[in-house]
Amino acid sequence: MYVTLEEAKRHLQVDEDYKGDDLYINSLIDAAEVVVADHIKYDSLAIAFPDGSVPLPVKHAILLMIGSLYANREPVAFAQSYEVPLSYRYLLGPYVNYGI
């Protein structure tokens, strides 16, 4: 994992002593890392960043995805929400592998 449970909980503003969502948040971390790797066109982040560390913009993109998944647990929303342009895509743009 490139984002720890503690980092994700801080980003989500979940009290670190609250353990009720830990399994769920860990699953969101895994899912977000897969989505980010797919977005930058790699099979995994381990292939994209073999030294084991991801650039800070990629880490923030993972956190943004975790936040979105945590806040929107259902595929239907009661209110219309809009993507913040220049966030997720802007953070990941420089890391996209166009060689595929």
C-alpha atoms as a PDB file:
ATOM      1  CA  MET A   1       0.000   0.000   0.000  1.00  0.00           C
ATOM      2  CA  TYR A   2       1.244   3.443  -0.901  1.00  0.00           C
ATOM      3  CA  VAL A   3      -1.245   5.176   1.395  1.00  0.00           C
ATOM      4  CA  THR A   4      -1.481   3.977   4.977  1.00  0.00           C
ATOM      5  CA  LEU A   5      -4.694   3.560   6.928  1.00  0.00           C
ATOM      6  CA  GLU A   6      -3.603   6.433   9.177  1.00  0.00           C
ATOM      7  CA  GLU A   7      -3.032   8.749   6.199  1.00  0.00           C
ATOM      8  CA  ALA A   8      -6.394   7.834   4.708  1.00  0.00           C
ATOM      9  CA  LYS A   9      -8.217   8.403   8.010  1.00  0.00           C
ATOM     10  CA  ARG A  10      -6.543  11.796   8.394  1.00  0.00           C
ATOM     11  CA  HIS A  11      -7.590  12.722   4.850  1.00  0.00           C
ATOM     12  CA  LEU A  12     -11.153  11.534   5.532  1.00  0.00           C
ATOM     13  CA  GLN A  13     -11.197  13.323   8.892  1.00  0.00           C
ATOM     14  CA  VAL A  14     -12.031  10.057  10.647  1.00  0.00           C
ATOM     15  CA  ASP A  15     -10.846   9.907  14.248  1.00  0.00           C
ATOM     16  CA  GLU A  16      -7.883   7.543  14.358  1.00  0.00           C
ATOM     17  CA  ASP A  17      -9.295   5.886  17.487  1.00  0.00           C
ATOM     18  CA  TYR A  18     -12.488   4.939  15.608  1.00  0.00           C
ATOM     19  CA  LYS A  19     -11.969   1.423  14.239  1.00  0.00           C
ATOM     20  CA  GLY A  20     -15.474   0.785  12.829  1.00  0.00           C
ATOM     21  CA  ASP A  21     -14.555   1.644   9.232  1.00  0.00           C
ATOM     22  CA  ASP A  22     -10.964   0.371   9.177  1.00  0.00           C
ATOM     23  CA  LEU A  23     -11.666  -2.686   6.993  1.00  0.00           C
ATOM     24  CA  TYR A  24     -13.750  -0.583   4.631  1.00  0.00           C
ATOM     25  CA  ILE A  25     -11.133   2.176   4.398  1.00  0.00           C
ATOM     26  CA  ASN A  26      -8.402  -0.412   3.751  1.00  0.00           C
ATOM     27  CA  SER A  27     -10.486  -1.815   0.898  1.00  0.00           C
ATOM     28  CA  LEU A  28     -10.890   1.720  -0.490  1.00  0.00           C
ATOM     29  CA  ILE A  29      -7.121   2.199  -0.362  1.00  0.00           C
ATOM     30  CA  ASP A  30      -6.642  -0.988  -2.384  1.00  0.00           C
ATOM     31  CA  ALA A  31      -9.341  -0.011  -4.883  1.00  0.00           C
ATOM     32  CA  ALA A  32      -8.020   3.544  -5.268  1.00  0.00           C
ATOM     33  CA  GLU A  33      -4.501   2.300  -5.951  1.00  0.00           C
ATOM     34  CA  VAL A  34      -5.808  -0.039  -8.678  1.00  0.00           C
ATOM     35  CA  VAL A  35      -7.840   2.788 -10.249  1.00  0.00           C
ATOM     36  CA  VAL A  36      -4.866   5.168 -10.194  1.00  0.00           C
ATOM     37  CA  ALA A  37      -2.565   2.541 -11.742  1.00  0.00           C
ATOM     38  CA  ASP A  38      -5.171   1.922 -14.445  1.00  0.00           C
ATOM     39  CA  HIS A  39      -5.546   5.653 -15.097  1.00  0.00           C
ATOM     40  CA  ILE A  40      -1.830   6.048 -15.706  1.00  0.00           C
ATOM     41  CA  LYS A  41      -1.897   2.876 -17.839  1.00  0.00           C
ATOM     42  CA  TYR A  42       0.140   0.503 -15.701  1.00  0.00           C
ATOM     43  CA  ASP A  43      -0.845  -2.919 -14.393  1.00  0.00           C
ATOM     44  CA  SER A  44       0.115  -1.801 -10.894  1.00  0.00           C
ATOM     45  CA  LEU A  45       1.793   1.054  -9.082  1.00  0.00           C
ATOM     46  CA  ALA A  46       4.672  -1.319  -8.286  1.00  0.00           C
ATOM     47  CA  ILE A  47       5.427  -1.482 -12.013  1.00  0.00           C
ATOM     48  CA  ALA A  48       5.018   2.268 -12.465  1.00  0.00           C
ATOM     49  CA  PHE A  49       7.218   3.103  -9.475  1.00  0.00           C
ATOM     50  CA  PRO A  50       9.551   0.131  -8.913  1.00  0.00           C
ATOM     51  CA  ASP A  51      11.563   1.891  -6.207  1.00  0.00           C
ATOM     52  CA  GLY A  52       8.532   1.610  -3.908  1.00  0.00           C
ATOM     53  CA  SER A  53       7.734   5.292  -3.552  1.00  0.00           C
ATOM     54  CA  VAL A  54       5.096   7.190  -5.477  1.00  0.00           C
ATOM     55  CA  PRO A  55       5.380  10.895  -6.302  1.00  0.00           C
ATOM     56  CA  LEU A  56       3.363  13.169  -4.027  1.00  0.00           C
ATOM     57  CA  PRO A  57       0.844  14.118  -6.763  1.00  0.00           C
ATOM     58  CA  VAL A  58       0.056  10.424  -7.296  1.00  0.00           C
ATOM     59  CA  LYS A  59      -0.380   9.929  -3.559  1.00  0.00           C
ATOM     60  CA  HIS A  60      -2.797  12.862  -3.432  1.00  0.00           C
ATOM     61  CA  ALA A  61      -4.733  11.420  -6.378  1.00  0.00           C
ATOM     62  CA  ILE A  62      -5.085   8.165  -4.415  1.00  0.00           C
ATOM     63  CA  LEU A  63      -6.354  10.141  -1.418  1.00  0.00           C
ATOM     64  CA  LEU A  64      -8.832  12.053  -3.616  1.00  0.00           C
ATOM     65  CA  MET A  65     -10.188   8.762  -4.949  1.00  0.00           C
ATOM     66  CA  ILE A  66     -10.472   7.330  -1.425  1.00  0.00           C
ATOM     67  CA  GLY A  67     -12.345  10.452  -0.309  1.00  0.00           C
ATOM     68  CA  SER A  68     -14.744  10.252  -3.225  1.00  0.00           C
ATOM     69  CA  LEU A  69     -15.464   6.554  -2.664  1.00  0.00           C
ATOM     70  CA  TYR A  70     -15.900   7.043   1.091  1.00  0.00           C
ATOM     71  CA  ALA A  71     -18.297   9.969   0.679  1.00  0.00           C
ATOM     72  CA  ASN A  72     -20.297   8.354  -2.144  1.00  0.00           C
ATOM     73  CA  ARG A  73     -21.010   4.776  -1.137  1.00  0.00           C
ATOM     74  CA  GLU A  74     -23.921   4.360  -3.528  1.00  0.00           C
ATOM     75  CA  PRO A  75     -24.066   4.811  -7.315  1.00  0.00           C
ATOM     76  CA  VAL A  76     -26.990   7.240  -7.034  1.00  0.00           C
ATOM     77  CA  ALA A  77     -26.803  10.672  -5.416  1.00  0.00           C
ATOM     78  CA  PHE A  78     -29.693  12.798  -4.223  1.00  0.00           C
ATOM     79  CA  ALA A  79     -27.984  15.982  -5.341  1.00  0.00           C
ATOM     80  CA  GLN A  80     -25.986  16.655  -8.452  1.00  0.00           C
ATOM     81  CA  SER A  81     -22.267  16.799  -7.808  1.00  0.00           C
ATOM     82  CA  TYR A  82     -19.604  18.034 -10.171  1.00  0.00           C
ATOM     83  CA  GLU A  83     -16.050  16.931 -10.697  1.00  0.00           C
ATOM     84  CA  VAL A  84     -13.436  19.416  -9.634  1.00  0.00           C
ATOM     85  CA  PRO A  85     -11.445  19.903 -12.831  1.00  0.00           C
ATOM     86  CA  LEU A  86      -7.689  20.003 -12.648  1.00  0.00           C
ATOM     87  CA  SER A  87      -7.600  17.805  -9.577  1.00  0.00           C
ATOM     88  CA  TYR A  88      -7.375  14.049 -10.108  1.00  0.00           C
ATOM     89  CA  ARG A  89      -6.506  14.176 -13.815  1.00  0.00           C
ATOM     90  CA  TYR A  90      -4.181  17.120 -13.346  1.00  0.00           C
ATOM     91  CA  LEU A  91      -2.294  15.309 -10.579  1.00  0.00           C
ATOM     92  CA  LEU A  92      -1.897  12.136 -12.641  1.00  0.00           C
ATOM     93  CA  GLY A  93      -1.322  13.655 -16.086  1.00  0.00           C
ATOM     94  CA  PRO A  94       2.484  13.703 -15.955  1.00  0.00           C
ATOM     95  CA  TYR A  95       2.613  10.020 -14.974  1.00  0.00           C
ATOM     96  CA  VAL A  96       0.446   8.555 -17.742  1.00  0.00           C
ATOM     97  CA  ASN A  97       2.297   5.903 -19.729  1.00  0.00           C
ATOM     98  CA  TYR A  98       1.510   6.726 -23.348  1.00  0.00           C
ATOM     99  CA  GLY A  99       3.903   4.038 -24.553  1.00  0.00           C
ATOM    100  CA  ILE A 100       1.253   1.327 -24.367  1.00  0.00           C
END
